């Protein structure tokens, strides 16, 4: 018997959008934890973490819109 794959493969652009959204969420959460956990707040670390998280969200939306226009 041969094994037949009935699932459609995930498109690379879909995987990239999910990956960027996940990284964005992770960095936002790390920034919040850093904000709460440090006594003299490390604003450079918090700001950098939030910037990377928001940048990942924005790039995910750009890739999502580009994918929708190509289809």
N, C-alpha and C. Protein backbone atom coordinates (compact mmCIF):
# COMPACT_ATOMS: atom_id res chain seq x y z
N UNK A 1 0.83 -1.18 0.00
CA UNK A 1 0.00 0.00 0.00
C UNK A 1 0.88 1.24 0.00
N UNK A 2 0.46 2.19 -0.77
CA UNK A 2 1.18 3.46 -0.78
C UNK A 2 0.46 4.46 0.11
N UNK A 3 1.25 5.29 0.71
CA UNK A 3 0.68 6.30 1.59
C UNK A 3 0.36 7.54 0.74
N UNK A 4 -0.88 7.99 0.81
CA UNK A 4 -1.32 9.15 0.04
C UNK A 4 -1.51 10.32 1.00
N UNK A 5 -0.87 11.43 0.66
CA UNK A 5 -0.98 12.61 1.49
C UNK A 5 -2.22 13.40 1.05
N UNK A 6 -3.19 13.49 1.94
CA UNK A 6 -4.43 14.18 1.59
C UNK A 6 -4.46 15.62 2.08
N UNK A 7 -3.46 16.01 2.88
CA UNK A 7 -3.42 17.39 3.38
C UNK A 7 -2.72 18.28 2.37
N UNK A 8 -3.23 19.47 2.22
CA UNK A 8 -2.55 20.43 1.35
C UNK A 8 -1.35 21.00 2.10
N UNK A 9 -0.23 21.18 1.42
CA UNK A 9 0.95 21.71 2.13
C UNK A 9 0.76 23.18 2.49
N UNK A 10 1.40 23.57 3.56
CA UNK A 10 1.36 24.98 3.98
C UNK A 10 2.26 25.77 3.07
N UNK A 11 1.75 26.87 2.56
CA UNK A 11 2.54 27.72 1.70
C UNK A 11 3.66 28.38 2.50
N UNK A 12 4.81 28.61 1.88
CA UNK A 12 5.90 29.26 2.61
C UNK A 12 5.51 30.65 3.13
N UNK A 13 4.69 31.38 2.38
CA UNK A 13 4.29 32.71 2.85
C UNK A 13 3.40 32.62 4.08
N UNK A 14 2.56 31.60 4.14
CA UNK A 14 1.71 31.41 5.32
C UNK A 14 2.56 31.05 6.53
N UNK A 15 3.53 30.20 6.31
CA UNK A 15 4.43 29.82 7.41
C UNK A 15 5.23 31.03 7.90
N UNK A 16 5.65 31.89 6.97
CA UNK A 16 6.39 33.08 7.36
C UNK A 16 5.53 34.04 8.17
N UNK A 17 4.28 34.21 7.78
CA UNK A 17 3.36 35.08 8.53
C UNK A 17 3.15 34.53 9.93
N UNK A 18 2.96 33.24 10.06
CA UNK A 18 2.78 32.64 11.39
C UNK A 18 4.05 32.78 12.23
N UNK A 19 5.20 32.59 11.62
CA UNK A 19 6.47 32.71 12.34
C UNK A 19 6.70 34.14 12.82
N UNK A 20 6.45 35.11 11.94
CA UNK A 20 6.63 36.51 12.33
C UNK A 20 5.64 36.94 13.41
N UNK A 21 4.42 36.45 13.33
CA UNK A 21 3.43 36.77 14.36
C UNK A 21 3.83 36.16 15.71
N UNK A 22 4.33 34.94 15.67
CA UNK A 22 4.78 34.28 16.90
C UNK A 22 5.96 35.00 17.52
N UNK A 23 6.93 35.39 16.70
CA UNK A 23 8.08 36.13 17.23
C UNK A 23 7.66 37.49 17.77
N UNK A 24 6.72 38.14 17.10
CA UNK A 24 6.23 39.42 17.58
C UNK A 24 5.60 39.29 18.95
N UNK A 25 4.77 38.29 19.11
CA UNK A 25 4.13 38.04 20.41
C UNK A 25 5.16 37.74 21.49
N UNK A 26 6.14 36.94 21.13
CA UNK A 26 7.19 36.57 22.09
C UNK A 26 7.96 37.81 22.56
N UNK A 27 8.34 38.68 21.65
CA UNK A 27 9.11 39.85 22.03
C UNK A 27 8.28 40.86 22.83
N UNK A 28 7.00 40.98 22.51
CA UNK A 28 6.14 41.86 23.31
C UNK A 28 6.04 41.33 24.74
N UNK A 29 5.88 40.03 24.89
CA UNK A 29 5.79 39.43 26.22
C UNK A 29 7.10 39.57 26.97
N UNK A 30 8.23 39.39 26.28
CA UNK A 30 9.53 39.57 26.92
C UNK A 30 9.70 41.01 27.39
N UNK A 31 9.25 41.96 26.58
CA UNK A 31 9.32 43.37 26.99
C UNK A 31 8.48 43.65 28.22
N UNK A 32 7.29 43.07 28.30
CA UNK A 32 6.44 43.27 29.47
C UNK A 32 7.07 42.65 30.71
N UNK A 33 7.62 41.45 30.56
CA UNK A 33 8.28 40.79 31.70
C UNK A 33 9.48 41.61 32.15
N UNK A 34 10.25 42.14 31.21
CA UNK A 34 11.40 42.96 31.56
C UNK A 34 10.96 44.23 32.27
N UNK A 35 9.87 44.81 31.82
CA UNK A 35 9.36 46.02 32.45
C UNK A 35 8.94 45.76 33.90
N UNK A 36 8.33 44.63 34.15
CA UNK A 36 7.84 44.31 35.49
C UNK A 36 8.97 43.79 36.40
N UNK A 37 9.90 43.02 35.84
CA UNK A 37 10.86 42.31 36.67
C UNK A 37 12.08 43.13 37.07
N UNK A 38 12.42 44.16 36.31
CA UNK A 38 13.63 44.91 36.65
C UNK A 38 13.27 46.11 37.52
N UNK A 39 14.08 46.35 38.56
CA UNK A 39 13.78 47.44 39.48
C UNK A 39 14.18 48.79 38.89
N UNK A 40 15.44 49.04 38.57
CA UNK A 40 15.61 50.21 37.70
C UNK A 40 15.32 49.72 36.29
N UNK A 41 14.24 50.18 35.73
CA UNK A 41 13.76 49.65 34.46
C UNK A 41 14.78 49.86 33.36
N UNK A 42 15.09 48.81 32.66
CA UNK A 42 16.01 48.87 31.53
C UNK A 42 15.21 49.29 30.30
N UNK A 43 15.11 50.60 30.09
CA UNK A 43 14.25 51.11 29.02
C UNK A 43 14.81 50.81 27.64
N UNK A 44 16.12 50.67 27.53
CA UNK A 44 16.69 50.31 26.23
C UNK A 44 16.25 48.90 25.84
N UNK A 45 16.32 47.99 26.78
CA UNK A 45 15.90 46.62 26.50
C UNK A 45 14.41 46.50 26.24
N UNK A 46 13.62 47.21 27.04
CA UNK A 46 12.16 47.17 26.86
C UNK A 46 11.79 47.79 25.52
N UNK A 47 12.37 48.94 25.21
CA UNK A 47 12.07 49.61 23.94
C UNK A 47 12.50 48.79 22.75
N UNK A 48 13.67 48.18 22.83
CA UNK A 48 14.15 47.35 21.73
C UNK A 48 13.26 46.13 21.54
N UNK A 49 12.87 45.53 22.64
CA UNK A 49 12.00 44.36 22.56
C UNK A 49 10.64 44.71 21.95
N UNK A 50 10.07 45.81 22.38
CA UNK A 50 8.78 46.24 21.83
C UNK A 50 8.91 46.63 20.37
N UNK A 51 10.02 47.28 20.01
CA UNK A 51 10.23 47.65 18.61
C UNK A 51 10.31 46.41 17.72
N UNK A 52 11.07 45.43 18.15
CA UNK A 52 11.19 44.19 17.36
C UNK A 52 9.85 43.48 17.27
N UNK A 53 9.09 43.46 18.36
CA UNK A 53 7.78 42.82 18.34
C UNK A 53 6.82 43.51 17.39
N UNK A 54 6.76 44.85 17.46
CA UNK A 54 5.88 45.59 16.56
C UNK A 54 6.34 45.49 15.12
N UNK A 55 7.65 45.49 14.90
CA UNK A 55 8.19 45.34 13.55
C UNK A 55 7.80 43.97 12.96
N UNK A 56 7.85 42.94 13.79
CA UNK A 56 7.45 41.61 13.32
C UNK A 56 5.97 41.58 12.96
N UNK A 57 5.12 42.22 13.77
CA UNK A 57 3.70 42.28 13.44
C UNK A 57 3.45 43.01 12.13
N UNK A 58 4.14 44.13 11.94
CA UNK A 58 3.97 44.91 10.71
C UNK A 58 4.44 44.12 9.49
N UNK A 59 5.57 43.46 9.61
CA UNK A 59 6.08 42.66 8.48
C UNK A 59 5.14 41.49 8.18
N UNK A 60 4.55 40.89 9.21
CA UNK A 60 3.59 39.81 8.98
C UNK A 60 2.38 40.31 8.20
N UNK A 61 1.90 41.50 8.55
CA UNK A 61 0.76 42.07 7.82
C UNK A 61 1.12 42.40 6.39
N UNK A 62 2.33 42.90 6.17
CA UNK A 62 2.77 43.21 4.80
C UNK A 62 2.84 41.93 3.97
N UNK A 63 3.41 40.87 4.53
CA UNK A 63 3.49 39.61 3.79
C UNK A 63 2.11 39.01 3.54
N UNK A 64 1.20 39.18 4.51
CA UNK A 64 -0.15 38.66 4.34
C UNK A 64 -0.87 39.39 3.21
N UNK A 65 -0.73 40.73 3.17
CA UNK A 65 -1.38 41.50 2.10
C UNK A 65 -0.77 41.19 0.75
N UNK A 66 0.53 41.00 0.69
CA UNK A 66 1.19 40.67 -0.57
C UNK A 66 0.71 39.31 -1.10
N UNK A 67 0.56 38.35 -0.16
CA UNK A 67 0.09 37.02 -0.57
C UNK A 67 -1.33 37.10 -1.12
N UNK A 68 -2.19 37.92 -0.49
CA UNK A 68 -3.57 38.03 -0.94
C UNK A 68 -3.66 38.71 -2.31
N UNK A 69 -2.77 39.66 -2.59
CA UNK A 69 -2.78 40.31 -3.89
C UNK A 69 -2.30 39.38 -4.99
N UNK A 70 -1.39 38.46 -4.69
CA UNK A 70 -0.86 37.55 -5.70
C UNK A 70 -1.87 36.46 -6.06
N UNK A 71 -2.78 36.15 -5.17
CA UNK A 71 -3.73 35.07 -5.44
C UNK A 71 -4.89 35.54 -6.24
